[in-house]
Amino acid sequence: MSPNAPSNAFLPAASIEAAAEHRHHRTALVLFSGGQDSTTCLARALSQFERVETIGFDYRQRHHVELKSRLVVLDEIRRQFPDWGQRLGQDHVLDLAVLGDVSETSLTRDMAFKMESSGLPNTFVPGRNLLFLTLAGSLAYRRGLEVIVTGVCETDFSGYPDCRDDTMKAMQLALSLGMDRRFLIETPLMWIDKADTWRMAQQLGGDALVDLIVEHTHTCYLGDREHRQAWGYGCGTCPACELRAQGYERFTSV
């Protein structure tokens, strides 16, 4: 399949309807961390929209290496997928050190991963996605971008309340009302698991995109780029690595 051929595989009816609505949208801003999910979302956006820009956030995360990985991924997309590269516009990185200052979590502090009494893992950074989307909306407003794309999902996730579909719908309404401009928040991975995320990448860009994700994206919470696994680099034991590994195993076992 051509890397520029959009597809509705793995999407529920509601997402297919949203894709049809995109025919009237030409521009998008992708929340791009340099990980598997956001890279898959970026590939999908590049297959749908005429101009796509990216935004990343430096909140002093322990896996700070992802900020370097994201630049490599962008370069590789331009090199390996020239048609997509023509659509790929400016990249933006915002400094959100304050988020690390106000959050006492294992993503921003040197502490072991564990479940809290609240039932949420201590990898949960309160308000992170809400802040990300608010700032993305501000940038999209200034840059004239119509669709905001994020890789959150309810299927393979850690119970984060700011990844839920209801949260995304509420944020879409709040941004549209607060800025008096109709924004669409697209969540291509909301109802699929990690195995299907790998399959979506393969369908969008073939084995070349899967290999790019394996080799260059970063997911590991500990920032491990020394240990090479079948699914990419990472410690292999943190929650993010375990989720990615399980999805890859299901993807390759079919």
Protein backbone atom coordinates (compact mmCIF):
# COMPACT_ATOMS: atom_id res chain seq x y z
CA MET A 1 0.00 0.00 0.00
CA SER A 2 1.24 3.49 -0.81
CA PRO A 3 2.35 5.35 2.33
CA ASN A 4 0.03 8.19 1.37
CA ALA A 5 -3.09 6.05 1.06
CA PRO A 6 -5.43 6.75 3.99
CA SER A 7 -7.24 3.79 5.45
CA ASN A 8 -10.10 3.22 7.87
CA ALA A 9 -8.91 -0.19 9.05
CA PHE A 10 -8.96 -0.74 12.80
CA LEU A 11 -11.32 2.24 13.24
CA PRO A 12 -14.80 2.02 14.79
CA ALA A 13 -17.78 3.58 13.05
CA ALA A 14 -17.50 6.82 15.02
CA SER A 15 -13.90 7.30 13.90
CA ILE A 16 -14.79 6.53 10.29
CA GLU A 17 -17.44 9.24 10.45
CA ALA A 18 -14.85 11.62 11.87
CA ALA A 19 -12.49 10.71 9.03
CA ALA A 20 -15.21 11.62 6.54
CA GLU A 21 -15.53 14.99 8.27
CA HIS A 22 -11.79 15.54 7.73
CA ARG A 23 -12.40 15.94 4.03
CA HIS A 24 -13.19 19.55 4.86
CA HIS A 25 -10.00 19.99 6.90
CA ARG A 26 -6.60 20.47 5.33
CA THR A 27 -4.26 21.16 8.25
CA ALA A 28 -3.37 19.46 11.51
CA LEU A 29 -1.14 19.78 14.57
CA VAL A 30 0.13 16.48 16.00
CA LEU A 31 1.16 16.14 19.64
CA PHE A 32 4.43 14.38 18.91
CA SER A 33 6.57 12.90 21.68
CA GLY A 34 8.77 10.70 19.49
CA GLY A 35 7.15 7.51 20.79
CA GLN A 36 5.38 4.68 19.00
CA ASP A 37 1.87 6.06 19.43
CA SER A 38 2.54 9.64 18.39
CA THR A 39 4.64 8.49 15.42
CA THR A 40 1.76 6.32 14.22
CA CYS A 41 -0.60 9.26 14.66
CA LEU A 42 1.78 11.50 12.74
CA ALA A 43 1.94 9.01 9.86
CA ARG A 44 -1.84 8.86 9.76
CA ALA A 45 -2.13 12.65 9.78
CA LEU A 46 0.40 12.91 6.94
CA SER A 47 -1.75 10.49 4.92
CA GLN A 48 -4.84 12.69 5.44
CA PHE A 49 -3.90 16.35 5.58
CA GLU A 50 -2.13 18.73 3.23
CA ARG A 51 -0.05 20.41 5.94
CA VAL A 52 0.94 18.87 9.26
CA GLU A 53 2.93 20.51 12.03
CA THR A 54 4.18 18.90 15.24
CA ILE A 55 4.44 19.99 18.85
CA GLY A 56 6.45 18.49 21.70
CA PHE A 57 6.86 19.35 25.37
CA ASP A 58 9.86 19.43 27.67
CA TYR A 59 8.53 18.98 31.20
CA ARG A 60 11.79 17.63 32.61
CA GLN A 61 10.58 14.06 32.14
CA ARG A 62 12.95 11.29 33.21
CA HIS A 63 12.79 9.88 29.69
CA HIS A 64 14.14 13.19 28.37
CA VAL A 65 15.88 11.24 25.61
CA GLU A 66 12.55 11.17 23.77
CA LEU A 67 13.12 14.82 22.84
CA LYS A 68 16.19 13.76 20.87
CA SER A 69 14.44 10.72 19.42
CA ARG A 70 11.59 12.81 18.06
CA LEU A 71 14.00 14.86 15.90
CA VAL A 72 15.51 11.66 14.51
CA VAL A 73 12.06 10.30 13.72
CA LEU A 74 11.09 13.50 11.89
CA ASP A 75 14.28 13.36 9.84
CA GLU A 76 13.71 9.69 8.99
CA ILE A 77 10.14 10.33 7.91
CA ARG A 78 11.33 13.06 5.57
CA ARG A 79 14.08 10.81 4.21
CA GLN A 80 12.14 7.56 3.85
CA PHE A 81 8.73 8.97 2.91
CA PRO A 82 9.32 11.98 0.65
CA ASP A 83 5.63 12.39 -0.17
CA TRP A 84 4.90 12.73 3.53
CA GLY A 85 7.95 14.93 3.95
CA GLN A 86 6.44 17.49 1.59
CA ARG A 87 3.45 17.77 3.91
CA LEU A 88 5.45 17.86 7.12
CA GLY A 89 5.76 21.43 8.32
CA GLN A 90 7.30 23.19 11.28
CA ASP A 91 8.12 21.44 14.56
CA HIS A 92 7.55 23.25 17.86
CA VAL A 93 8.91 22.38 21.31
CA LEU A 94 7.55 24.16 24.39
CA ASP A 95 9.34 24.37 27.73
CA LEU A 96 6.99 23.18 30.48
CA ALA A 97 9.42 22.89 33.38
CA VAL A 98 6.64 24.10 35.67
CA LEU A 99 4.80 20.81 35.11
CA GLY A 100 7.72 18.92 36.56
CA ASP A 101 7.85 21.36 39.47
CA VAL A 102 4.24 20.79 40.51
CA SER A 103 4.04 17.03 39.93
CA GLU A 104 5.47 14.43 42.30
CA THR A 105 5.45 11.44 39.96
CA SER A 106 7.81 8.73 38.80
CA LEU A 107 7.97 10.39 35.38
CA THR A 108 9.44 13.56 36.84
CA ARG A 109 11.18 12.25 39.98
CA ASP A 110 13.69 9.48 40.66
CA MET A 111 11.32 7.01 42.31
CA ALA A 112 10.16 3.46 41.72
CA PHE A 113 7.03 2.74 39.69
CA LYS A 114 4.08 1.73 41.87
CA MET A 115 0.32 1.96 42.21
CA GLU A 116 -1.03 4.70 44.45
CA SER A 117 -3.92 4.43 46.92
CA SER A 118 -6.02 6.33 44.37
CA GLY A 119 -5.80 3.31 42.05
CA LEU A 120 -3.66 5.23 39.56
CA PRO A 121 0.01 4.46 38.86
CA ASN A 122 2.52 7.02 40.05
CA THR A 123 3.42 7.61 36.40
CA PHE A 124 0.27 9.75 36.19
CA VAL A 125 1.20 13.43 35.82
CA PRO A 126 -1.95 15.32 36.89
CA GLY A 127 -3.22 17.70 34.25
CA ARG A 128 -0.49 16.87 31.74
CA ASN A 129 -2.70 16.13 28.75
CA LEU A 130 -5.05 18.97 29.65
CA LEU A 131 -2.15 21.41 29.61
CA PHE A 132 -0.72 19.87 26.45
CA LEU A 133 -4.01 20.25 24.60
CA THR A 134 -4.57 23.81 25.83
CA LEU A 135 -1.16 24.91 24.58
CA ALA A 136 -1.61 22.93 21.37
CA GLY A 137 -4.90 24.76 20.86
CA SER A 138 -3.18 28.10 21.35
CA LEU A 139 -0.50 27.20 18.83
CA ALA A 140 -3.04 25.80 16.37
CA TYR A 141 -4.99 29.05 16.64
CA ARG A 142 -1.91 31.12 15.83
CA ARG A 143 -0.73 28.83 13.04
CA GLY A 144 -4.15 28.40 11.43
CA LEU A 145 -4.31 24.64 12.02
CA GLU A 146 -7.73 23.01 12.17
CA VAL A 147 -7.27 19.54 13.68
CA ILE A 148 -5.34 18.60 16.84
CA VAL A 149 -4.15 14.98 16.81
CA THR A 150 -3.15 13.11 19.96
CA GLY A 151 -2.31 9.45 20.62
CA VAL A 152 -4.29 8.91 23.81
CA CYS A 153 -6.42 5.78 24.12
CA GLU A 154 -8.70 3.91 26.51
CA THR A 155 -7.79 0.39 25.38
CA ASP A 156 -4.14 -0.12 26.32
CA PHE A 157 -3.54 2.52 28.96
CA SER A 158 -2.76 2.85 32.64
CA GLY A 159 -6.08 4.27 33.74
CA TYR A 160 -5.07 7.90 33.23
CA PRO A 161 -8.28 9.97 33.42
CA ASP A 162 -6.88 12.54 30.98
CA CYS A 163 -6.63 9.86 28.26
CA ARG A 164 -10.34 9.08 28.22
CA ASP A 165 -12.63 9.80 25.31
CA ASP A 166 -14.92 11.90 27.52
CA THR A 167 -11.96 14.07 28.50
CA MET A 168 -11.02 14.61 24.86
CA LYS A 169 -14.59 15.59 23.96
CA ALA A 170 -14.70 18.02 26.88
CA MET A 171 -11.38 19.56 25.84
CA GLN A 172 -12.54 19.89 22.25
CA LEU A 173 -15.61 21.80 23.41
CA ALA A 174 -13.64 23.96 25.86
CA LEU A 175 -11.00 24.93 23.29
CA SER A 176 -13.58 25.68 20.62
CA LEU A 177 -15.64 27.84 22.97
CA GLY A 178 -12.71 29.51 24.70
CA MET A 179 -11.01 30.52 21.45
CA ASP A 180 -14.17 31.05 19.42
CA ARG A 181 -12.83 28.77 16.72
CA ARG A 182 -14.01 25.27 15.96
CA PHE A 183 -11.25 22.79 16.71
CA LEU A 184 -11.42 19.06 16.11
CA ILE A 185 -9.44 16.79 18.45
CA GLU A 186 -8.66 13.54 16.68
CA THR A 187 -7.69 10.42 18.66
CA PRO A 188 -6.88 7.68 16.10
CA LEU A 189 -5.80 5.17 18.76
CA MET A 190 -8.63 5.68 21.24
CA TRP A 191 -10.32 2.32 20.72
CA ILE A 192 -7.50 0.07 19.52
CA ASP A 193 -4.83 -1.83 21.43
CA LYS A 194 -1.05 -1.79 20.99
CA ALA A 195 -1.06 -4.71 18.57
CA ASP A 196 -3.45 -2.86 16.30
CA THR A 197 -1.33 0.27 16.66
CA TRP A 198 1.55 -1.70 15.15
CA ARG A 199 -0.81 -2.96 12.43
CA MET A 200 -1.98 0.58 11.69
CA ALA A 201 1.62 1.66 11.22
CA GLN A 202 2.24 -1.23 8.85
CA GLN A 203 -0.84 -0.41 6.84
CA LEU A 204 0.11 3.26 6.59
CA GLY A 205 3.77 2.89 5.72
CA GLY A 206 4.51 -0.79 5.29
CA ASP A 207 7.45 -2.57 6.88
CA ALA A 208 9.56 0.57 6.42
CA LEU A 209 7.43 2.49 8.91
CA VAL A 210 7.35 -0.43 11.35
CA ASP A 211 11.14 -0.65 11.17
CA LEU A 212 11.43 3.11 11.69
CA ILE A 213 9.26 2.87 14.80
CA VAL A 214 11.25 -0.06 16.16
CA GLU A 215 14.62 1.57 15.58
CA HIS A 216 14.08 5.26 16.27
CA THR A 217 11.04 5.90 18.48
CA HIS A 218 11.33 5.97 22.26
CA THR A 219 8.83 4.77 24.84
CA CYS A 220 10.82 3.61 27.88
CA TYR A 221 10.08 5.65 31.01
CA LEU A 222 13.68 5.20 32.18
CA GLY A 223 15.13 6.62 28.98
CA ASP A 224 17.08 3.44 28.20
CA ARG A 225 18.64 3.58 24.72
CA GLU A 226 21.27 0.93 25.41
CA HIS A 227 19.24 -2.28 25.45
CA ARG A 228 17.86 -3.27 22.05
CA GLN A 229 14.77 -5.48 22.16
CA ALA A 230 12.86 -6.95 19.22
CA TRP A 231 10.39 -4.06 19.51
CA GLY A 232 13.00 -1.33 19.98
CA TYR A 233 15.16 0.22 22.70
CA GLY A 234 14.18 0.19 26.36
CA CYS A 235 14.69 -1.33 29.78
CA GLY A 236 12.04 -3.97 29.09
CA THR A 237 10.58 -3.78 32.59
CA CYS A 238 8.90 -0.39 33.03
CA PRO A 239 5.14 -0.16 32.30
CA ALA A 240 5.69 1.54 28.94
CA CYS A 241 8.16 -1.12 27.76
CA GLU A 242 5.92 -3.96 28.90
CA LEU A 243 2.92 -2.55 27.06
CA ARG A 244 4.92 -1.98 23.87
CA ALA A 245 6.49 -5.46 24.05
CA GLN A 246 3.15 -7.20 24.58
CA GLY A 247 1.62 -5.39 21.64
CA TYR A 248 4.56 -6.21 19.39
CA GLU A 249 4.37 -9.88 20.33
CA ARG A 250 0.67 -10.04 19.45
CA PHE A 251 1.36 -8.13 16.23
CA THR A 252 4.14 -10.46 15.07
CA SER A 253 2.48 -13.70 16.20
CA VAL A 254 -0.42 -13.43 13.75
